[in-house]
Protein backbone atom coordinates (compact mmCIF):
# COMPACT_ATOMS: atom_id res chain seq x y z
CA MET A 1 -0.11 0.03 -0.19
CA PRO A 2 1.76 3.25 -1.08
CA HIS A 3 0.08 5.66 1.07
CA THR A 4 0.55 3.67 4.39
CA LYS A 5 2.45 5.36 7.06
CA HIS A 6 5.26 3.40 8.94
CA ARG A 7 7.05 3.96 11.87
CA LEU A 8 10.18 2.50 13.96
CA CYS A 9 10.01 0.87 17.23
CA THR A 10 10.81 3.34 19.75
CA TRP A 11 12.17 0.47 22.35
CA HIS A 12 14.57 -1.06 19.67
CA ILE A 13 16.13 2.52 19.04
CA SER A 14 16.64 3.17 22.64
CA GLU A 15 18.12 -0.06 23.02
CA ASN A 16 20.52 0.50 19.85
CA ALA A 17 21.14 3.96 21.62
CA LEU A 18 22.39 2.13 24.67
CA ARG A 19 25.08 0.22 22.63
CA HIS A 20 26.23 3.20 20.37
CA VAL A 21 26.09 5.81 22.89
CA LYS A 22 27.85 5.06 26.13
CA ASP A 23 26.47 8.39 28.18
CA PRO A 24 23.65 7.43 30.23
CA ALA A 25 22.37 11.00 30.50
CA PHE A 26 21.75 10.60 26.35
CA HIS A 27 18.97 8.24 26.77
CA PRO A 28 16.29 10.84 28.55
CA ARG A 29 16.96 13.17 26.36
CA LEU A 30 16.44 11.01 23.26
CA LYS A 31 13.16 9.74 24.66
CA ARG A 32 12.17 13.49 24.85
CA MET A 33 13.11 13.78 21.30
CA MET A 34 10.82 10.60 20.37
CA PHE A 35 7.73 12.10 22.16
CA HIS A 36 7.75 15.60 22.82
CA ARG A 37 5.67 17.71 20.44
CA PHE A 38 7.93 20.03 18.55
CA THR A 39 7.56 21.73 15.21
CA GLU A 40 9.98 20.68 12.59
CA GLU A 41 11.90 23.73 12.75
CA GLY A 42 12.35 23.25 16.63
CA PHE A 43 13.02 19.68 16.69
CA VAL A 44 15.97 20.27 14.49
CA LYS A 45 17.47 23.21 16.62
CA GLU A 46 16.87 20.86 19.61
CA TRP A 47 18.69 17.89 18.07
CA ASN A 48 21.94 20.08 16.87
CA ALA A 49 22.03 21.44 20.69
CA LEU A 50 21.72 17.66 21.83
CA ILE A 51 24.54 16.66 19.47
CA GLU A 52 26.70 19.53 20.32
CA GLU A 53 26.27 18.81 24.09
CA PHE A 54 27.40 15.04 23.75
CA GLY A 55 29.88 15.39 21.15
CA LEU A 56 28.22 12.83 18.50
CA GLN A 57 29.18 14.90 15.58
CA ASP A 58 31.22 11.75 14.29
CA ASN A 59 28.86 9.28 15.60
CA ARG A 60 27.61 7.33 12.49
CA TRP A 61 24.67 5.97 14.48
CA ALA A 62 23.65 9.50 15.70
CA ARG A 63 23.88 10.45 11.80
CA MET A 64 21.71 7.59 10.79
CA ILE A 65 18.96 8.12 13.27
CA PHE A 66 18.39 11.58 12.47
CA CYS A 67 17.75 10.80 8.60
CA LEU A 68 15.23 8.26 9.63
CA ARG A 69 13.45 11.03 12.00
CA LYS A 70 10.39 10.86 9.87
CA LEU A 71 9.73 7.25 11.18
CA TRP A 72 10.36 7.72 14.88
CA ALA A 73 9.86 11.18 16.35
CA ILE A 74 6.03 12.24 17.02
CA THR A 75 6.90 15.64 15.87
CA PHE A 76 6.77 14.33 12.27
CA LEU A 77 4.10 11.47 12.96
CA ARG A 78 1.08 13.62 14.07
CA GLY A 79 -1.97 13.24 12.19
CA HIS A 80 -1.43 9.63 11.63
CA PHE A 81 -3.15 6.91 13.63
CA PHE A 82 -1.64 4.19 15.17
CA ALA A 83 -3.90 3.35 17.84
CA GLY A 84 -1.43 4.58 20.62
CA MET A 85 1.55 2.04 19.65
CA ASP A 86 4.73 3.27 19.31
CA THR A 87 6.79 -0.67 19.93
CA THR A 88 6.12 -4.05 18.29
CA GLN A 89 5.05 -5.13 21.59
CA ARG A 90 1.62 -6.62 20.27
CA CYS A 91 3.53 -8.88 18.02
CA GLU A 92 6.27 -9.61 20.56
CA GLY A 93 4.26 -10.42 23.22
CA MET A 94 2.31 -12.64 21.17
CA ASN A 95 5.58 -14.37 20.11
CA TYR A 96 6.59 -14.80 23.80
CA PHE A 97 3.45 -16.25 24.65
CA ILE A 98 3.52 -18.91 22.05
CA LYS A 99 7.12 -19.76 22.98
CA THR A 100 6.21 -20.45 26.52
CA LYS A 101 3.47 -22.95 25.32
CA VAL A 102 5.25 -24.80 22.74
CA ASP A 103 8.34 -26.85 22.49
CA PRO A 104 10.17 -27.58 19.14
CA ASN A 105 10.11 -31.56 20.07
CA MET A 106 6.36 -31.65 20.29
CA LYS A 107 4.32 -33.97 18.49
CA LEU A 108 1.83 -32.33 16.04
CA SER A 109 -1.22 -33.29 18.36
CA GLU A 110 0.62 -32.04 21.47
CA PHE A 111 1.28 -28.80 19.57
CA VAL A 112 -2.13 -28.60 18.54
CA ARG A 113 -3.42 -29.29 21.93
CA GLN A 114 -1.04 -26.35 23.64
CA ILE A 115 -1.90 -23.84 21.12
CA ASP A 116 -5.81 -24.37 21.82
CA LEU A 117 -5.06 -23.80 25.45
CA GLY A 118 -3.28 -20.81 24.99
CA LEU A 119 -6.08 -19.43 23.16
CA SER A 120 -8.55 -20.57 25.81
CA TRP A 121 -6.27 -18.60 28.33
CA LEU A 122 -6.32 -15.16 26.07
CA ARG A 123 -9.96 -15.70 25.32
CA ASN A 124 -10.54 -16.19 28.99
CA ASP A 125 -8.52 -12.87 29.90
CA GLU A 126 -10.60 -10.94 27.30
CA SER A 127 -13.71 -11.86 28.83
CA LYS A 128 -12.66 -10.92 32.17
CA LEU A 129 -12.01 -7.63 31.01
CA ASP A 130 -15.38 -7.31 29.24
CA TYR A 131 -17.08 -8.13 32.18
CA GLU A 132 -15.16 -5.93 34.30
CA THR A 133 -15.94 -2.91 31.60
CA THR A 134 -19.54 -3.61 31.51
CA ASN A 135 -20.88 -4.27 35.09
CA THR A 136 -18.23 -2.42 37.12
CA LEU A 137 -17.26 1.15 37.36
CA PRO A 138 -14.04 2.56 38.08
CA PRO A 139 -13.27 5.05 40.94
CA LEU A 140 -13.98 8.57 40.08
CA GLY A 141 -12.90 11.57 40.95
CA GLY A 142 -9.21 13.62 40.40
CA THR A 143 -10.81 15.91 37.75
CA TYR A 144 -12.57 19.16 37.24
CA PHE A 145 -15.37 16.92 34.94
CA PRO A 146 -17.42 14.94 37.06
CA ASP A 147 -20.24 14.67 34.54
CA ILE A 148 -17.90 13.98 31.49
CA GLU A 149 -15.64 11.66 33.61
CA ARG A 150 -18.93 9.44 34.51
CA GLN A 151 -19.77 9.59 30.74
CA ALA A 152 -16.31 8.54 29.68
CA ALA A 153 -16.33 5.75 31.96
CA SER A 154 -19.82 4.37 30.78
CA VAL A 155 -18.62 4.83 27.13
CA PHE A 156 -14.77 3.87 26.88
CA THR A 157 -13.31 0.70 27.65
CA ARG A 158 -11.33 0.37 31.06
CA ALA A 159 -7.77 0.84 29.55
CA LEU A 160 -9.01 3.72 27.24
CA PHE A 161 -10.96 5.67 30.27
CA PHE A 162 -7.64 5.55 32.28
CA ARG A 163 -5.92 7.36 29.23
CA VAL A 164 -9.02 9.86 28.97
CA ARG A 165 -8.90 10.91 32.31
CA ASN A 166 -5.22 11.25 32.23
CA GLU A 167 -5.32 13.84 29.69
CA MET A 168 -8.51 15.44 31.90
CA LYS A 169 -5.98 15.85 34.68
CA TRP A 170 -3.46 17.48 32.72
CA GLU A 171 -5.55 19.99 31.08
CA GLY A 172 -5.27 22.12 34.26
CA LYS A 173 -1.47 23.17 33.36
CA TYR A 174 -3.13 25.32 30.49
CA THR A 175 -4.41 28.55 30.56
CA VAL A 176 -6.52 30.54 28.08
CA ARG A 177 -4.86 33.59 26.37
CA SER A 178 -7.21 34.40 23.81
CA ILE A 179 -10.68 33.39 22.50
CA ILE A 180 -11.63 34.64 18.75
CA GLU A 181 -15.15 34.33 17.29
CA GLU A 182 -15.73 34.13 13.66
CA GLY A 183 -19.10 33.21 12.63
CA ASP A 184 -19.57 29.36 13.81
CA ILE A 185 -16.15 29.01 14.28
CA VAL A 186 -14.39 29.63 17.88
CA THR A 187 -10.58 29.72 18.15
CA THR A 188 -9.40 29.28 21.59
CA LYS A 189 -5.45 29.91 22.24
CA PHE A 190 -3.63 28.21 25.43
CA ARG A 191 -0.42 28.53 26.95
CA LYS A 192 1.40 25.97 29.33
CA TYR A 193 1.65 27.37 32.78
CA ARG A 194 4.73 29.06 33.85
CA THR A 195 6.11 28.68 30.13
CA THR A 196 6.52 31.21 27.45
CA ASN A 197 7.19 29.13 24.52
CA VAL A 198 4.46 26.41 24.73
CA SER A 199 1.24 27.14 23.44
CA ARG A 200 -1.72 25.57 21.38
CA SER A 201 -4.86 26.78 19.74
CA VAL A 202 -7.84 24.89 19.33
CA MET A 203 -10.62 25.69 16.60
CA PHE A 204 -13.83 24.66 17.90
CA ASN A 205 -17.32 24.59 15.25
CA THR A 206 -20.20 25.55 17.44
CA VAL A 207 -22.61 23.99 14.72
CA ILE A 208 -21.45 20.39 14.57
CA GLU A 209 -19.67 20.49 17.63
CA GLU A 210 -16.51 19.74 16.06
CA PHE A 211 -12.85 20.20 17.49
CA TYR A 212 -9.59 20.68 15.73
CA CYS A 213 -6.46 20.99 17.89
CA GLU A 214 -3.12 22.13 16.74
CA CYS A 215 -1.40 19.11 18.36
CA GLU A 216 -3.38 16.56 16.38
CA GLY A 217 -4.15 14.35 19.46
CA ILE A 218 -7.49 13.07 17.99
CA PRO A 219 -6.17 11.87 14.52
CA THR A 220 -3.12 10.49 15.92
CA ASN A 221 -4.48 8.70 19.27
CA GLY A 222 -7.88 8.66 18.63
CA ILE A 223 -8.83 10.29 22.36
CA PRO A 224 -9.46 13.71 23.05
CA CYS A 225 -6.41 15.78 24.06
CA ARG A 226 -5.99 17.96 27.13
CA HIS A 227 -6.30 21.21 25.16
CA ILE A 228 -9.64 19.67 23.86
CA PHE A 229 -10.82 19.22 27.33
CA ALA A 230 -9.32 22.87 28.25
CA THR A 231 -11.55 24.34 25.60
CA MET A 232 -14.55 22.21 26.78
CA LYS A 233 -13.99 23.70 30.56
CA SER A 234 -13.79 27.21 29.07
CA ARG A 235 -17.28 26.87 27.16
CA ASN A 236 -18.79 24.92 30.32
CA MET A 237 -19.39 21.75 28.56
CA ASN A 238 -20.84 18.67 30.48
CA LYS A 239 -20.58 16.18 27.65
CA ILE A 240 -18.21 14.71 25.16
CA PRO A 241 -19.29 15.35 21.76
CA ASN A 242 -19.96 12.37 19.57
CA LEU A 243 -17.29 13.47 17.00
CA LEU A 244 -14.48 12.81 19.78
CA ILE A 245 -15.72 9.00 20.33
CA LEU A 246 -14.04 6.75 18.33
CA TRP A 247 -16.11 3.80 17.88
CA ARG A 248 -13.31 1.14 18.14
CA TRP A 249 -12.51 2.35 21.81
CA THR A 250 -16.21 1.95 23.01
CA VAL A 251 -17.56 -0.38 25.04
CA GLN A 252 -20.07 -1.68 22.41
CA ALA A 253 -17.55 -1.96 19.77
CA LYS A 254 -18.26 -5.70 19.57
CA ILE A 255 -21.99 -5.70 19.31
CA GLY A 256 -21.84 -4.75 15.56
CA GLU A 257 -22.27 -2.01 12.99
CA GLU A 258 -25.88 -1.70 13.75
CA SER A 259 -25.39 0.17 17.18
CA ARG A 260 -22.63 2.54 15.45
CA GLU A 261 -24.86 5.03 14.76
CA SER A 262 -25.08 7.29 17.85
CA TYR A 263 -20.87 7.47 17.44
CA ASN A 264 -19.20 9.53 15.01
CA PRO A 265 -22.16 10.39 12.83
CA LYS A 266 -21.48 10.94 9.30
CA CYS A 267 -21.53 14.68 8.46
CA LYS A 268 -20.56 16.46 5.24
CA TYR A 269 -18.75 19.11 6.69
CA THR A 270 -16.41 17.05 8.77
CA CYS A 271 -13.36 19.29 8.05
CA ILE A 272 -12.66 22.27 10.11
CA VAL A 273 -11.78 24.40 7.03
CA GLU A 274 -14.64 23.07 5.16
CA SER A 275 -16.97 24.29 7.98
CA ALA A 276 -15.44 27.78 8.12
CA ARG A 277 -15.88 28.07 4.39
CA PHE A 278 -19.71 26.45 4.61
CA GLY A 279 -20.50 29.21 7.74
CA HIS A 280 -19.54 31.96 5.65
CA ILE A 281 -21.43 31.11 2.72
CA HIS A 282 -24.38 30.35 4.62
CA ASN A 283 -24.32 33.76 6.47
CA GLN A 284 -24.23 35.29 3.07
CA GLY A 285 -27.03 33.27 1.77
CA ALA A 286 -29.01 33.85 4.74
CA GLU A 287 -28.61 37.71 4.16
CA ILE A 288 -29.46 37.22 0.31
CA ALA A 289 -32.85 35.29 1.46
CA TYR A 290 -33.64 38.24 4.18
CA TYR A 291 -33.72 40.92 1.22
CA SER A 292 -35.43 38.72 -1.19
CA THR A 293 -38.40 37.67 0.70
CA LYS A 294 -39.32 41.71 1.29
CA ASN A 295 -41.15 41.75 -2.27
CA GLU A 296 -41.95 39.87 -5.52
CA ASP A 297 -39.45 41.93 -7.45
CA LEU A 298 -36.67 41.08 -4.94
CA PHE A 299 -37.60 37.86 -4.96
CA ARG A 300 -37.57 37.12 -8.69
CA LEU A 301 -33.80 39.06 -8.89
CA GLY A 302 -32.84 36.81 -6.03
CA ASN A 303 -34.20 33.54 -7.51
CA THR A 304 -32.81 34.32 -10.88
CA HIS A 305 -29.11 35.12 -9.54
CA MET A 306 -29.04 32.27 -7.24
CA GLU A 307 -30.13 29.87 -9.89
CA LYS A 308 -27.16 31.04 -12.11
CA VAL A 309 -24.64 30.96 -9.17
CA VAL A 310 -25.67 27.72 -8.51
CA ASN A 311 -25.21 26.42 -11.76
CA ILE A 312 -21.90 27.87 -12.07
CA ILE A 313 -20.68 26.44 -8.90
CA ARG A 314 -22.11 22.92 -9.49
CA THR A 315 -20.46 22.95 -13.29
CA ALA A 316 -17.03 23.78 -11.53
CA TRP A 317 -17.43 21.18 -8.76
CA GLN A 318 -18.04 18.60 -11.38
CA GLU A 319 -15.05 19.72 -13.23
CA TYR A 320 -12.92 19.62 -10.27
CA THR A 321 -14.22 16.04 -9.13
CA ASP A 322 -13.38 14.68 -12.62
CA ASP A 323 -9.78 15.92 -12.47
CA ALA A 324 -9.49 14.62 -9.05
CA LYS A 325 -10.42 11.21 -10.25
CA ASN A 326 -8.23 11.39 -13.37
CA LYS A 327 -5.33 12.40 -11.16
CA THR A 328 -6.00 9.17 -8.69
CA THR A 329 -6.57 7.14 -11.41
CA GLU A 330 -3.25 8.01 -12.94
CA ALA A 331 -1.59 7.42 -9.31
CA GLU A 332 -3.00 4.21 -8.98
CA LYS A 333 -1.70 2.97 -12.34
CA GLU A 334 2.03 4.69 -11.35
CA THR A 335 1.84 2.29 -7.82
CA GLU A 336 -0.06 -0.42 -9.15
CA ILE A 337 1.35 -4.06 -8.35
CA ASP A 338 0.78 -6.27 -11.09
CA ILE A 339 0.02 -9.82 -9.35
CA ARG A 340 0.08 -12.76 -11.33
CA ASN A 341 0.06 -16.49 -10.73
CA PRO A 342 3.35 -18.06 -9.93
CA VAL A 343 5.40 -19.69 -12.45
CA PHE A 344 5.26 -23.71 -12.16
CA THR A 345 8.62 -25.11 -12.07
CA LYS A 346 9.69 -29.03 -11.98
CA THR A 347 10.73 -30.34 -8.93
CA LYS A 348 13.80 -32.32 -8.54
CA GLY A 349 12.45 -35.74 -8.75
CA THR A 350 11.00 -35.40 -12.10
CA ALA A 351 14.09 -34.07 -14.05
CA ASN A 352 14.75 -37.24 -15.49
CA CYS A 353 11.06 -38.62 -16.12
CA PRO A 354 10.16 -39.15 -19.96
CA THR A 355 8.51 -36.20 -21.60
CA THR A 356 6.00 -38.31 -23.07
CA ASP A 357 2.50 -39.51 -21.79
CA ARG A 358 2.58 -43.10 -22.56
CA LYS A 359 2.24 -45.32 -20.02
CA MET A 360 5.11 -47.63 -18.96
CA VAL A 361 4.50 -51.33 -19.83
CA ARG A 362 6.16 -53.95 -17.52
CA ARG A 363 8.19 -56.77 -18.93
CA CYS A 364 9.33 -59.95 -18.07
CA SER A 365 13.12 -60.10 -16.49
CA ILE A 366 13.86 -63.67 -18.24
CA TYR A 367 12.42 -63.18 -21.78
CA ASN A 368 12.19 -59.25 -21.55
CA LYS A 369 8.24 -59.43 -23.29
CA LYS A 370 5.32 -57.95 -22.47
CA GLY A 371 1.96 -59.12 -21.03
CA HIS A 372 3.86 -61.21 -17.80
CA ASN A 373 6.77 -60.99 -15.21
CA LYS A 374 9.15 -63.57 -13.70
CA THR A 375 6.59 -65.10 -11.16
CA THR A 376 3.46 -65.51 -13.29
CA TYR A 377 5.55 -66.70 -16.09
CA LEU A 378 6.91 -69.58 -13.84
CA ARG A 379 3.86 -70.13 -12.42
CA ARG A 380 2.09 -70.56 -15.96
CA GLU A 381 4.84 -72.72 -17.21
CA THR A 382 4.41 -75.04 -13.91
CA ASN A 383 0.59 -75.40 -14.62
CA THR A 384 1.24 -76.17 -18.36
CA ILE A 385 3.18 -79.08 -17.51
CA ASP A 386 1.29 -80.36 -14.63
CA SER A 387 -1.87 -80.15 -16.76
CA PRO A 388 -2.72 -83.08 -19.21
CA ASP A 389 -2.45 -81.11 -22.48
CA LEU A 390 -2.48 -84.19 -25.41
CA SER A 391 -1.16 -81.76 -27.73
CA LEU A 392 1.96 -80.91 -25.82
CA ASN A 393 5.24 -81.26 -27.63
CA LEU A 394 7.78 -83.52 -26.25
CA GLU A 395 10.58 -81.29 -27.54
CA ASP A 396 8.73 -77.97 -26.00
CA LEU A 397 8.52 -80.14 -22.90
CA SER A 398 12.12 -81.10 -22.57
CA ASN A 399 13.17 -77.49 -23.55
CA ASN A 400 11.09 -76.00 -20.52
CA THR A 401 12.23 -78.63 -18.32
CA VAL A 402 15.77 -77.62 -18.92
CA ARG A 403 14.85 -74.02 -18.36
CA LEU A 404 13.40 -74.68 -15.03
CA ASN A 405 16.09 -76.82 -14.06
CA VAL A 406 18.65 -73.84 -14.87
CA ILE A 407 16.20 -71.56 -13.01
CA GLU A 408 16.11 -74.09 -9.78
CA PHE A 409 19.86 -74.14 -10.09
CA GLY A 410 20.41 -70.37 -10.11
CA ARG A 411 18.04 -69.89 -6.93
CA SER A 412 19.98 -72.86 -5.05
CA ILE A 413 23.55 -70.76 -5.82
CA GLN A 414 21.78 -67.50 -4.26
């Protein structure tokens, strides 16, 4: 998939750093470079200061890992959904689990039994977590959002609830600098407490209750960030909007698609930029409608011009979508992978086989003739001698007897 975003395992990067940089003070600084949300210019500036401080200008590993910064630093991975994973702990944990259950010297029946037993344990643990999430409530408190915290405990799974509550707690470190209202869009700017260089902006659409944060926490982690909770507190909101609830993190995610309509409703204007444009055009259209309804002449004038404008914009939109489809098709052709059936090759065992399709005919090892072999020939000859055949020639009988004696003599020698 050409448009898939990949990232490197942060645990393996940390392990490689321990081998290539011996100074223990370097590793917490590297961890900060991994998970702190810098700007791209700020990241480069901070990295150069780090390299100069520890004298790693000639370190080959440091140069290599900096060239791969877009695959491990959260600064360059914001906006890409990784379900909260930054290491390969999922597959590594499953590999370790299987290694503890099976052995290379096991029989196939034992292997199948152990795998089935291990899967039963995993399903049992999952069922236990599902029961706790569905039938119990975690201890609440410790935040300024009692109603929102109670809603999150009933909507999200237990593990995701603790992550959401941590974001609620961290919102207390941010103070409101300014609030700007432009139509339906309200922009709130925050500054971190006792800092001057850390600030964030959150845009909120009052019509569809959609948030967009500068840190891009929603598209990256799938949960509301601390800046969004700070915005909700400034607006006295007591409920998490449905657009901020990702269906896969909910308690009812296993039920099916029929219960999904209450979360993440589909909206034609989910993009915050499109929402701003929609609000501006909507206000102008409302103004035109207000004046056009005063009398019949103004109504006809407004209706005529609106029809012309709608036709022009619709035609331009169709041309734009057609161009976009053509560009997408061309891009798909460029990145298209031609998958065909594998080429059939002969195995080593069939190299000397004849190429003809005729059947191999068995021949007698004594006379090299078709229709019988050594065993059936001797049995037939014996039956022929013992049977009272009046037409039997004495010369043929003597010849057959000699042949039989020769054969029996050969067997006795063997």
